[in-house]
C-alpha atoms as a PDB file:
ATOM      1  CA  MET A   1      -9.328  -1.348 -90.931  1.00  0.00           C
ATOM      2  CA  LYS A   2     -10.924  -4.779 -90.874  1.00  0.00           C
ATOM      3  CA  ASN A   3      -9.207  -7.744 -92.454  1.00  0.00           C
ATOM      4  CA  ASN A   4     -10.274  -7.551 -96.087  1.00  0.00           C
ATOM      5  CA  SER A   5      -8.001 -10.320 -97.254  1.00  0.00           C
ATOM      6  CA  PRO A   6      -9.490 -12.842 -99.625  1.00  0.00           C
ATOM      7  CA  GLY A   7     -10.868 -15.896 -97.877  1.00  0.00           C
ATOM      8  CA  HIS A   8     -11.868 -14.234 -94.593  1.00  0.00           C
ATOM      9  CA  GLY A   9     -15.532 -13.661 -95.411  1.00  0.00           C
ATOM     10  CA  GLN A  10     -14.845 -10.029 -96.243  1.00  0.00           C
ATOM     11  CA  PRO A  11     -15.489  -8.300 -99.571  1.00  0.00           C
ATOM     12  CA  LYS A  12     -13.724 -10.035-102.412  1.00  0.00           C
ATOM     13  CA  ILE A  13     -11.153  -8.383-104.629  1.00  0.00           C
ATOM     14  CA  SER A  14     -12.069  -7.991-108.281  1.00  0.00           C
ATOM     15  CA  PHE A  15      -9.845  -7.292-111.244  1.00  0.00           C
ATOM     16  CA  ARG A  16     -10.342  -4.905-114.121  1.00  0.00           C
ATOM     17  CA  THR A  17      -8.180  -4.715-117.250  1.00  0.00           C
ATOM     18  CA  THR A  18      -9.787  -1.791-119.018  1.00  0.00           C
ATOM     19  CA  VAL A  19      -8.335   1.639-118.338  1.00  0.00           C
ATOM     20  CA  ARG A  20     -10.697   4.420-117.304  1.00  0.00           C
ATOM     21  CA  LEU A  21     -10.167   8.173-117.385  1.00  0.00           C
ATOM     22  CA  ASP A  22     -10.049   8.388-113.579  1.00  0.00           C
ATOM     23  CA  ASP A  23      -7.199   5.834-113.464  1.00  0.00           C
ATOM     24  CA  CYS A  24      -4.652   8.604-114.084  1.00  0.00           C
ATOM     25  CA  ASP A  25      -5.588  10.228-110.783  1.00  0.00           C
ATOM     26  CA  THR A  26      -5.932   6.878-109.012  1.00  0.00           C
ATOM     27  CA  VAL A  27      -2.513   5.642-110.136  1.00  0.00           C
ATOM     28  CA  GLN A  28      -0.951   8.939-109.089  1.00  0.00           C
ATOM     29  CA  GLU A  29      -2.619   8.698-105.673  1.00  0.00           C
ATOM     30  CA  ILE A  30      -1.493   5.101-105.124  1.00  0.00           C
ATOM     31  CA  ILE A  31       2.098   5.697-106.284  1.00  0.00           C
ATOM     32  CA  GLU A  32       2.493   8.870-104.224  1.00  0.00           C
ATOM     33  CA  ALA A  33       0.967   7.243-101.137  1.00  0.00           C
ATOM     34  CA  THR A  34       3.602   4.486-101.114  1.00  0.00           C
ATOM     35  CA  GLY A  35       6.334   7.070-100.463  1.00  0.00           C
ATOM     36  CA  TYR A  36       8.799   5.104-102.595  1.00  0.00           C
ATOM     37  CA  PHE A  37       8.886   7.155-105.761  1.00  0.00           C
ATOM     38  CA  THR A  38      10.164  10.522-106.906  1.00  0.00           C
ATOM     39  CA  PRO A  39       7.839  13.037-108.591  1.00  0.00           C
ATOM     40  CA  ALA A  40       9.452  12.127-111.940  1.00  0.00           C
ATOM     41  CA  GLU A  41       8.706   8.428-111.371  1.00  0.00           C
ATOM     42  CA  VAL A  42       5.108   9.256-110.421  1.00  0.00           C
ATOM     43  CA  GLY A  43       4.863  11.184-113.694  1.00  0.00           C
ATOM     44  CA  VAL A  44       6.068   8.159-115.647  1.00  0.00           C
ATOM     45  CA  ALA A  45       3.492   5.905-113.980  1.00  0.00           C
ATOM     46  CA  VAL A  46       0.689   8.297-114.957  1.00  0.00           C
ATOM     47  CA  GLU A  47       2.108   8.707-118.467  1.00  0.00           C
ATOM     48  CA  LEU A  48       1.841   4.954-119.064  1.00  0.00           C
ATOM     49  CA  VAL A  49      -1.870   5.074-118.205  1.00  0.00           C
ATOM     50  CA  GLN A  50      -2.279   7.993-120.617  1.00  0.00           C
ATOM     51  CA  ASP A  51      -0.410   6.096-123.358  1.00  0.00           C
ATOM     52  CA  ASN A  52      -2.754   3.143-122.922  1.00  0.00           C
ATOM     53  CA  MET A  53      -5.817   5.428-123.135  1.00  0.00           C
ATOM     54  CA  THR A  54      -4.505   7.274-126.188  1.00  0.00           C
ATOM     55  CA  LYS A  55      -3.046   4.407-128.206  1.00  0.00           C
ATOM     56  CA  GLY A  56      -4.649   1.300-126.711  1.00  0.00           C
ATOM     57  CA  ALA A  57      -2.815  -1.521-124.977  1.00  0.00           C
ATOM     58  CA  ALA A  58      -1.457  -3.253-128.075  1.00  0.00           C
ATOM     59  CA  ASP A  59      -0.025  -0.100-129.656  1.00  0.00           C
ATOM     60  CA  SER A  60       1.291   1.400-126.434  1.00  0.00           C
ATOM     61  CA  GLY A  61       2.669  -1.903-125.146  1.00  0.00           C
ATOM     62  CA  TYR A  62       1.289  -1.147-121.665  1.00  0.00           C
ATOM     63  CA  TYR A  63      -1.319  -3.435-120.178  1.00  0.00           C
ATOM     64  CA  PHE A  64      -2.992  -2.887-116.808  1.00  0.00           C
ATOM     65  CA  ILE A  65      -4.725  -4.902-114.148  1.00  0.00           C
ATOM     66  CA  PHE A  66      -6.517  -2.915-111.470  1.00  0.00           C
ATOM     67  CA  ALA A  67      -7.453  -4.461-108.128  1.00  0.00           C
ATOM     68  CA  GLU A  68     -10.753  -3.238-106.739  1.00  0.00           C
ATOM     69  CA  LEU A  69     -12.183  -3.729-103.282  1.00  0.00           C
ATOM     70  CA  GLU A  70     -15.741  -2.607-102.613  1.00  0.00           C
ATOM     71  CA  GLY A  71     -15.638  -0.543-105.826  1.00  0.00           C
ATOM     72  CA  ARG A  72     -12.418   1.290-104.925  1.00  0.00           C
ATOM     73  CA  THR A  73      -9.242   0.806-106.951  1.00  0.00           C
ATOM     74  CA  VAL A  74      -6.631  -0.076-104.333  1.00  0.00           C
ATOM     75  CA  GLY A  75      -3.751  -1.414-106.429  1.00  0.00           C
ATOM     76  CA  TYR A  76      -2.572  -2.156-109.915  1.00  0.00           C
ATOM     77  CA  VAL A  77       0.067  -3.671-112.140  1.00  0.00           C
ATOM     78  CA  CYS A  78       1.367  -2.356-115.432  1.00  0.00           C
ATOM     79  CA  TYR A  79       3.128  -4.798-117.731  1.00  0.00           C
ATOM     80  CA  GLY A  80       3.811  -5.575-121.338  1.00  0.00           C
ATOM     81  CA  PRO A  81       5.564  -7.793-123.820  1.00  0.00           C
ATOM     82  CA  ILE A  82       9.234  -6.979-124.260  1.00  0.00           C
ATOM     83  CA  PRO A  83       9.811  -5.797-127.850  1.00  0.00           C
ATOM     84  CA  CYS A  84      11.971  -8.023-130.062  1.00  0.00           C
ATOM     85  CA  THR A  85      11.507 -11.084-127.832  1.00  0.00           C
ATOM     86  CA  VAL A  86       9.464 -14.161-128.631  1.00  0.00           C
ATOM     87  CA  SER A  87       7.603 -14.560-125.340  1.00  0.00           C
ATOM     88  CA  SER A  88       9.116 -12.383-122.615  1.00  0.00           C
ATOM     89  CA  HIS A  89       7.141  -9.847-120.589  1.00  0.00           C
ATOM     90  CA  ASN A  90       8.211  -7.079-118.243  1.00  0.00           C
ATOM     91  CA  LEU A  91       6.459  -5.990-115.066  1.00  0.00           C
ATOM     92  CA  TYR A  92       6.772  -2.217-115.116  1.00  0.00           C
ATOM     93  CA  TRP A  93       4.818  -1.316-111.983  1.00  0.00           C
ATOM     94  CA  ILE A  94       3.045  -2.958-109.114  1.00  0.00           C
ATOM     95  CA  ALA A  95       1.635  -0.868-106.310  1.00  0.00           C
ATOM     96  CA  VAL A  96      -0.960  -1.308-103.599  1.00  0.00           C
ATOM     97  CA  HIS A  97      -2.213   1.656-101.605  1.00  0.00           C
ATOM     98  CA  PRO A  98      -0.594   1.526 -98.134  1.00  0.00           C
ATOM     99  CA  ASP A  99      -4.032   1.354 -96.462  1.00  0.00           C
ATOM    100  CA  PHE A 100      -4.547  -2.016 -98.164  1.00  0.00           C
ATOM    101  CA  GLN A 101      -1.072  -3.555 -97.974  1.00  0.00           C
ATOM    102  CA  ARG A 102      -0.370  -6.772 -96.053  1.00  0.00           C
ATOM    103  CA  LEU A 103      -3.773  -8.181 -97.007  1.00  0.00           C
ATOM    104  CA  GLY A 104      -2.571 -10.417 -99.846  1.00  0.00           C
ATOM    105  CA  LEU A 105      -3.643  -7.997-102.582  1.00  0.00           C
ATOM    106  CA  GLY A 106      -0.143  -7.745-104.060  1.00  0.00           C
ATOM    107  CA  LYS A 107       0.098 -11.526-104.327  1.00  0.00           C
ATOM    108  CA  SER A 108      -3.376 -11.671-105.853  1.00  0.00           C
ATOM    109  CA  LEU A 109      -2.389  -9.036-108.402  1.00  0.00           C
ATOM    110  CA  MET A 110       0.776 -10.957-109.248  1.00  0.00           C
ATOM    111  CA  ARG A 111      -1.159 -14.214-109.718  1.00  0.00           C
ATOM    112  CA  GLU A 112      -3.615 -12.445-112.033  1.00  0.00           C
ATOM    113  CA  PHE A 113      -0.717 -10.809-113.906  1.00  0.00           C
ATOM    114  CA  GLU A 114       1.011 -14.176-114.417  1.00  0.00           C
ATOM    115  CA  LYS A 115      -2.293 -15.667-115.586  1.00  0.00           C
ATOM    116  CA  GLN A 116      -2.670 -12.874-118.175  1.00  0.00           C
ATOM    117  CA  VAL A 117       0.913 -13.340-119.390  1.00  0.00           C
ATOM    118  CA  LYS A 118       0.359 -17.091-119.788  1.00  0.00           C
ATOM    119  CA  ALA A 119      -2.857 -16.411-121.716  1.00  0.00           C
ATOM    120  CA  ALA A 120      -0.782 -14.231-124.078  1.00  0.00           C
ATOM    121  CA  HIS A 121       1.631 -17.173-124.570  1.00  0.00           C
ATOM    122  CA  GLY A 122       4.295 -15.538-122.434  1.00  0.00           C
ATOM    123  CA  THR A 123       6.938 -17.845-121.006  1.00  0.00           C
ATOM    124  CA  ARG A 124       9.236 -15.451-119.123  1.00  0.00           C
ATOM    125  CA  ILE A 125       8.677 -12.517-116.831  1.00  0.00           C
ATOM    126  CA  TYR A 126      11.332  -9.959-115.945  1.00  0.00           C
ATOM    127  CA  ILE A 127      11.092  -7.483-113.099  1.00  0.00           C
ATOM    128  CA  ASP A 128      13.620  -4.835-112.188  1.00  0.00           C
ATOM    129  CA  THR A 129      13.936  -2.790-109.034  1.00  0.00           C
ATOM    130  CA  SER A 130      16.488  -0.913-107.013  1.00  0.00           C
ATOM    131  CA  TYR A 131      18.960  -2.617-104.708  1.00  0.00           C
ATOM    132  CA  LYS A 132      18.636   0.205-102.160  1.00  0.00           C
ATOM    133  CA  THR A 133      17.809  -0.828 -98.594  1.00  0.00           C
ATOM    134  CA  GLN A 134      14.303   0.665 -98.803  1.00  0.00           C
ATOM    135  CA  TYR A 135      13.463  -1.965-101.453  1.00  0.00           C
ATOM    136  CA  GLU A 136      14.374  -5.005 -99.323  1.00  0.00           C
ATOM    137  CA  ASP A 137      10.684  -5.800 -98.767  1.00  0.00           C
ATOM    138  CA  THR A 138      10.017  -5.438-102.481  1.00  0.00           C
ATOM    139  CA  ARG A 139      12.810  -7.858-103.356  1.00  0.00           C
ATOM    140  CA  ALA A 140      11.669 -10.326-100.676  1.00  0.00           C
ATOM    141  CA  PHE A 141       8.126 -10.103-102.101  1.00  0.00           C
ATOM    142  CA  TYR A 142       9.308 -11.058-105.597  1.00  0.00           C
ATOM    143  CA  GLN A 143      11.474 -13.873-104.247  1.00  0.00           C
ATOM    144  CA  SER A 144       8.550 -15.238-102.201  1.00  0.00           C
ATOM    145  CA  LEU A 145       6.638 -15.570-105.472  1.00  0.00           C
ATOM    146  CA  GLY A 146       9.357 -17.640-107.142  1.00  0.00           C
ATOM    147  CA  TYR A 147      11.255 -14.896-108.960  1.00  0.00           C
ATOM    148  CA  GLU A 148      14.992 -15.497-109.099  1.00  0.00           C
ATOM    149  CA  LEU A 149      17.776 -12.935-109.188  1.00  0.00           C
ATOM    150  CA  ASP A 150      19.004 -12.854-112.772  1.00  0.00           C
ATOM    151  CA  ALA A 151      21.285  -9.803-112.895  1.00  0.00           C
ATOM    152  CA  LEU A 152      22.691  -6.948-110.865  1.00  0.00           C
ATOM    153  CA  LEU A 153      23.710  -3.799-112.745  1.00  0.00           C
ATOM    154  CA  LYS A 154      25.993  -1.634-110.620  1.00  0.00           C
ATOM    155  CA  ASP A 155      25.228   2.093-110.329  1.00  0.00           C
ATOM    156  CA  PHE A 156      22.446   1.767-112.910  1.00  0.00           C
ATOM    157  CA  TYR A 157      20.013   4.365-111.524  1.00  0.00           C
ATOM    158  CA  ALA A 158      22.658   6.540-109.883  1.00  0.00           C
ATOM    159  CA  PRO A 159      25.989   6.077-108.120  1.00  0.00           C
ATOM    160  CA  GLY A 160      25.290   3.609-105.325  1.00  0.00           C
ATOM    161  CA  ASP A 161      21.849   2.700-106.692  1.00  0.00           C
ATOM    162  CA  ASP A 162      22.118  -0.661-108.418  1.00  0.00           C
ATOM    163  CA  LYS A 163      19.436  -2.256-110.568  1.00  0.00           C
ATOM    164  CA  VAL A 164      18.303  -5.792-109.708  1.00  0.00           C
ATOM    165  CA  ILE A 165      16.609  -7.905-112.363  1.00  0.00           C
ATOM    166  CA  TYR A 166      14.452 -10.863-111.418  1.00  0.00           C
ATOM    167  CA  ARG A 167      13.215 -13.583-113.762  1.00  0.00           C
ATOM    168  CA  LYS A 168      10.546 -16.234-113.600  1.00  0.00           C
ATOM    169  CA  LEU A 169       9.887 -18.962-116.126  1.00  0.00           C
ATOM    170  CA  LEU A 170       6.199 -19.750-116.552  1.00  0.00           C
END
C-alpha cells in the first residue's frame, strides 16, 4: 500500500459524523480485523452504532466520527458525555483497520474527537483500556497524545486483567 498519510500528496482523510446503515457492518469489519476483541466486544461495538441509529446521538449518548479515505471508511471513534458530570466525556472505542494503521489516521481521529468534545464544552476526556501486554501499543498511543494515567483497577475485566484509565484536560 502506498503512503496515504496526510501531508504526503496522497488522498486526504475526511471525517463524517452522521451514522449510516452500512456502518454496522463496517464497524464490525474494522473491530474484527484488529484481532484485539472478543466476539462479545465486537457485538457491543455494533450495538452502539445501532443505538445511535435508533435513538439518535443525544438520546443514546453515543457519538461517532468516521475516518474516510478515498470514500472507504477505514477507522472510527465512538464517544459521549459521561452522565451526571458537568463536562467530562468518555472515549468508548477507537479503531483503525489494520491495512491503514501507522499512517497517522488514529492521531487524526483523536484530534478530530478532541475538537468535537471542545465544541460541546467538554473539559475532560477519560479513556479506559486493558493493562494486558497486548495493549502496550494502545497505552503508548494515548500517552503520546498527552493522556495521563489516572487510575489502575486491579482484576477489573478478569483475574489478571486490570483496567487502566487515562485522563486529559482540554
